[in-house]
Amino acid sequence: MKLLAIDTALSTCAAAVLTQGEEGENIVAQSEDLGRGHAERIMSMVGSVMAESQTTFNALDRVVVNVGPGSFTGLRVGLSIARGFGLVLEKPVVPVTTLAAIAAETLDRTGEKRPLLVALDARRDEVYCQNFTADGEPVGEARVSTVKDLAFALDPETLLAGSAAQAIANAAGLDASRICSHAACASIEYVARLGSKAPEDEKSPMPLYLRPPDAKPTEKGRIRRQ
């Protein structure tokens, strides 16, 4: 298996080439916390990891992309590039979510064998969140909730991860031992690894938008219809 992974979902812009074979696993990755400017940087990153891994585009078996949750602009950038590669190369494009990648990395690095709630700060007193089993399998759908509601419903056995983990722990009156990670973004290495295991789908991957955009279309200069 040889794949290209792309992540422009949040502030981090990242690309990686993952190779898995009889000799084991090799991954070449680049990642930068840009905040903005993903569209101007991501193609350079892709070219760099492809060159460093000595991989040709025709040698790829699939393209993996982080579909969110994340910023509307960032998600469009990553998905557009991944779909373009998939179309030109006639290779499957496989989606991975931010929440699943954070869960996989958290459970792998900590060695914990307990259920996990991944929660990311979504502003406006809201969080993007999803529950996972001790094996990293999702429980239910990703959703938008509040710190207060999550703290109230938190199971005693469930651990916390993500940029909103501390706020939830504080609201629930819990100590730091329940927090496994404060990660605000997914690691491109785990986006790639999850993408290598994900089933192929004939449908084109779609962005995981959990709420409407903050920006509202302006009415200035428009003629109202009666």
Protein backbone atom coordinates (compact mmCIF):
# COMPACT_ATOMS: atom_id res chain seq x y z
CA MET A 1 0.00 0.00 0.00
CA LYS A 2 1.28 3.44 -0.95
CA LEU A 3 -0.82 6.54 -0.38
CA LEU A 4 -0.75 10.30 -0.27
CA ALA A 5 -2.46 11.97 2.71
CA ILE A 6 -3.55 15.62 2.80
CA ASP A 7 -4.80 17.68 5.73
CA THR A 8 -5.88 21.33 5.53
CA ALA A 9 -8.88 21.01 7.84
CA LEU A 10 -7.72 23.27 10.68
CA SER A 11 -4.76 25.57 11.33
CA THR A 12 -2.24 22.87 10.40
CA CYS A 13 -1.34 22.28 6.77
CA ALA A 14 0.16 18.84 6.19
CA ALA A 15 0.97 16.16 3.63
CA ALA A 16 2.45 12.68 3.88
CA VAL A 17 3.33 9.65 1.81
CA LEU A 18 2.77 6.36 3.64
CA THR A 19 4.25 3.11 2.35
CA GLN A 20 3.26 -0.21 3.92
CA GLY A 21 4.75 -3.51 2.79
CA GLU A 22 6.55 -6.66 3.82
CA GLU A 23 9.46 -4.63 5.17
CA GLY A 24 7.18 -2.63 7.43
CA GLU A 25 5.96 0.94 7.36
CA ASN A 26 7.66 4.09 6.13
CA ILE A 27 6.16 7.56 6.28
CA VAL A 28 7.48 10.85 4.95
CA ALA A 29 5.55 13.83 6.28
CA GLN A 30 5.56 17.60 6.46
CA SER A 31 3.37 19.71 8.71
CA GLU A 32 3.16 23.44 9.46
CA ASP A 33 0.81 25.37 11.72
CA LEU A 34 -0.10 28.14 9.28
CA GLY A 35 -3.44 29.40 10.50
CA ARG A 36 -4.14 30.65 6.98
CA GLY A 37 -2.68 30.25 3.52
CA HIS A 38 -3.22 26.51 3.09
CA ALA A 39 -4.05 26.85 -0.62
CA GLU A 40 -0.70 28.53 -1.30
CA ARG A 41 1.35 25.98 0.68
CA ILE A 42 -0.20 22.52 0.34
CA MET A 43 0.91 21.75 -3.23
CA SER A 44 4.51 22.56 -2.34
CA MET A 45 4.25 20.16 0.61
CA VAL A 46 2.80 17.44 -1.60
CA GLY A 47 5.64 17.84 -4.08
CA SER A 48 8.20 17.73 -1.29
CA VAL A 49 6.95 14.52 0.37
CA MET A 50 6.52 12.82 -2.99
CA ALA A 51 10.11 13.69 -3.94
CA GLU A 52 11.60 12.75 -0.56
CA SER A 53 9.81 9.39 -0.57
CA GLN A 54 10.82 8.84 -4.22
CA THR A 55 7.20 8.22 -5.12
CA THR A 56 5.59 8.86 -8.49
CA PHE A 57 1.93 9.79 -8.62
CA ASN A 58 1.14 6.74 -10.72
CA ALA A 59 2.55 4.53 -7.95
CA LEU A 60 -0.09 5.70 -5.46
CA ASP A 61 -2.84 3.26 -4.51
CA ARG A 62 -5.10 5.89 -2.99
CA VAL A 63 -5.40 9.47 -1.79
CA VAL A 64 -6.47 10.20 1.78
CA VAL A 65 -7.95 13.49 2.94
CA ASN A 66 -9.06 14.90 6.29
CA VAL A 67 -12.73 15.84 5.81
CA GLY A 68 -13.17 17.64 9.14
CA PRO A 69 -14.64 18.98 11.20
CA GLY A 70 -12.62 22.07 10.52
CA SER A 71 -12.70 25.44 8.81
CA PHE A 72 -14.92 25.83 5.75
CA THR A 73 -12.12 27.28 3.63
CA GLY A 74 -9.54 24.74 4.74
CA LEU A 75 -11.79 21.77 4.09
CA ARG A 76 -12.60 23.00 0.57
CA VAL A 77 -8.89 23.37 -0.22
CA GLY A 78 -7.95 19.84 0.87
CA LEU A 79 -10.95 18.15 -0.68
CA SER A 80 -10.54 19.94 -4.00
CA ILE A 81 -6.91 18.87 -4.27
CA ALA A 82 -7.60 15.28 -3.18
CA ARG A 83 -10.52 14.93 -5.59
CA GLY A 84 -8.39 16.36 -8.38
CA PHE A 85 -5.63 13.83 -7.80
CA GLY A 86 -8.17 11.03 -7.58
CA LEU A 87 -9.80 12.04 -10.85
CA VAL A 88 -6.59 12.45 -12.82
CA LEU A 89 -4.91 9.33 -11.41
CA GLU A 90 -8.12 7.27 -11.37
CA LYS A 91 -7.42 6.33 -7.76
CA PRO A 92 -9.86 6.13 -4.83
CA VAL A 93 -10.08 9.12 -2.49
CA VAL A 94 -10.64 8.03 1.12
CA PRO A 95 -11.97 10.30 3.89
CA VAL A 96 -10.68 10.45 7.47
CA THR A 97 -12.09 12.71 10.17
CA THR A 98 -10.18 15.00 12.49
CA LEU A 99 -11.86 13.44 15.52
CA ALA A 100 -11.04 9.85 14.52
CA ALA A 101 -7.39 10.69 13.87
CA ILE A 102 -7.01 12.40 17.26
CA ALA A 103 -8.68 9.42 18.95
CA ALA A 104 -6.39 6.93 17.21
CA GLU A 105 -3.24 8.85 18.11
CA THR A 106 -4.33 9.45 21.70
CA LEU A 107 -5.13 5.80 22.41
CA ASP A 108 -2.01 4.59 20.63
CA ARG A 109 0.42 6.94 22.38
CA THR A 110 -1.07 6.63 25.87
CA GLY A 111 -1.79 2.90 25.74
CA GLU A 112 -5.11 3.53 27.47
CA LYS A 113 -7.85 0.92 27.12
CA ARG A 114 -10.85 3.01 28.08
CA PRO A 115 -13.59 4.83 26.16
CA LEU A 116 -12.61 8.25 24.86
CA LEU A 117 -14.44 11.49 24.15
CA VAL A 118 -12.68 13.75 21.64
CA ALA A 119 -13.86 17.36 21.85
CA LEU A 120 -12.56 20.34 19.89
CA ASP A 121 -13.23 23.98 20.60
CA ALA A 122 -15.67 25.24 17.94
CA ARG A 123 -16.09 28.75 19.43
CA ARG A 124 -19.44 30.34 20.27
CA ASP A 125 -19.46 28.17 23.45
CA GLU A 126 -19.72 25.06 21.29
CA VAL A 127 -17.51 22.02 20.69
CA TYR A 128 -17.17 19.45 17.92
CA CYS A 129 -17.17 16.03 19.54
CA GLN A 130 -17.47 12.28 19.14
CA ASN A 131 -17.23 9.25 21.42
CA PHE A 132 -14.91 6.33 20.72
CA THR A 133 -14.45 2.85 22.16
CA ALA A 134 -11.22 1.76 23.82
CA ASP A 135 -10.19 0.41 20.38
CA GLY A 136 -10.77 3.73 18.67
CA GLU A 137 -14.01 2.76 16.98
CA PRO A 138 -16.57 5.59 16.73
CA VAL A 139 -19.68 5.44 18.90
CA GLY A 140 -22.47 7.40 17.27
CA GLU A 141 -21.99 10.31 14.89
CA ALA A 142 -19.79 13.38 15.26
CA ARG A 143 -21.84 16.25 16.63
CA VAL A 144 -21.91 19.77 18.02
CA SER A 145 -22.49 20.14 21.75
CA THR A 146 -21.61 22.43 24.64
CA VAL A 147 -19.03 22.03 27.38
CA LYS A 148 -21.78 22.10 30.01
CA ASP A 149 -23.84 19.36 28.36
CA LEU A 150 -20.83 17.12 27.78
CA ALA A 151 -19.64 17.55 31.37
CA PHE A 152 -23.09 16.67 32.70
CA ALA A 153 -23.39 13.51 30.59
CA LEU A 154 -19.78 12.33 30.90
CA ASP A 155 -19.46 8.66 31.79
CA PRO A 156 -17.16 7.90 34.78
CA GLU A 157 -15.00 5.59 32.66
CA THR A 158 -14.58 7.95 29.71
CA LEU A 159 -11.29 9.74 29.10
CA LEU A 160 -10.97 13.12 27.38
CA ALA A 161 -8.91 14.37 24.46
CA GLY A 162 -8.85 17.44 22.26
CA SER A 163 -8.60 21.19 22.66
CA ALA A 164 -11.84 21.33 24.70
CA ALA A 165 -10.84 18.50 27.07
CA GLN A 166 -9.65 20.81 29.84
CA ALA A 167 -12.81 22.90 29.75
CA ILE A 168 -14.98 19.79 30.02
CA ALA A 169 -12.88 18.43 32.89
CA ASN A 170 -13.17 21.75 34.73
CA ALA A 171 -16.93 21.87 34.23
CA ALA A 172 -17.27 18.30 35.49
CA GLY A 173 -14.99 18.88 38.48
CA LEU A 174 -12.45 16.31 37.31
CA ASP A 175 -8.68 16.29 37.77
CA ALA A 176 -6.10 16.18 35.00
CA SER A 177 -5.83 12.38 35.11
CA ARG A 178 -8.91 12.10 32.90
CA ILE A 179 -7.29 14.15 30.12
CA CYS A 180 -5.17 12.15 27.68
CA SER A 181 -4.42 14.87 25.15
CA HIS A 182 -4.95 18.56 24.50
CA ALA A 183 -4.41 18.16 20.74
CA ALA A 184 -6.22 20.76 18.66
CA CYS A 185 -5.41 19.18 15.29
CA ALA A 186 -5.00 15.71 13.86
CA SER A 187 -1.52 14.34 13.19
CA ILE A 188 -0.96 13.71 9.47
CA GLU A 189 0.73 10.40 10.32
CA TYR A 190 -2.49 9.12 11.88
CA VAL A 191 -4.64 10.55 9.13
CA ALA A 192 -2.53 8.49 6.74
CA ARG A 193 -2.64 5.32 8.85
CA LEU A 194 -6.41 5.46 9.28
CA GLY A 195 -6.74 6.12 5.57
CA SER A 196 -4.77 2.98 4.75
CA LYS A 197 -7.34 0.87 6.63
CA ALA A 198 -10.50 2.68 5.55
CA PRO A 199 -12.77 0.98 3.01
CA GLU A 200 -13.03 2.46 -0.44
CA ASP A 201 -16.25 4.16 -1.42
CA GLU A 202 -17.45 4.89 -4.94
CA LYS A 203 -18.88 8.20 -3.74
CA SER A 204 -16.68 11.27 -3.62
CA PRO A 205 -15.80 12.24 -0.03
CA MET A 206 -17.77 15.14 1.41
CA PRO A 207 -16.73 17.69 4.04
CA LEU A 208 -17.95 17.03 7.57
CA TYR A 209 -19.72 20.32 8.26
CA LEU A 210 -21.34 20.07 11.68
CA ARG A 211 -22.86 23.57 11.66
CA PRO A 212 -23.50 26.43 9.21
CA PRO A 213 -20.67 28.86 8.42
CA ASP A 214 -20.12 31.85 10.71
CA ALA A 215 -19.97 34.22 7.75
CA LYS A 216 -23.31 35.44 6.47
CA PRO A 217 -23.93 36.67 2.90
CA THR A 218 -24.30 40.43 2.79
CA GLU A 219 -27.47 42.08 1.60
CA LYS A 220 -25.64 45.21 0.53
CA GLY A 221 -26.13 45.98 -3.14
CA ARG A 222 -28.82 43.32 -3.57
CA ILE A 223 -32.33 43.94 -4.75
CA ARG A 224 -34.81 42.33 -2.42
CA ARG A 225 -37.40 40.13 -4.08
CA GLN A 226 -40.99 40.77 -3.15
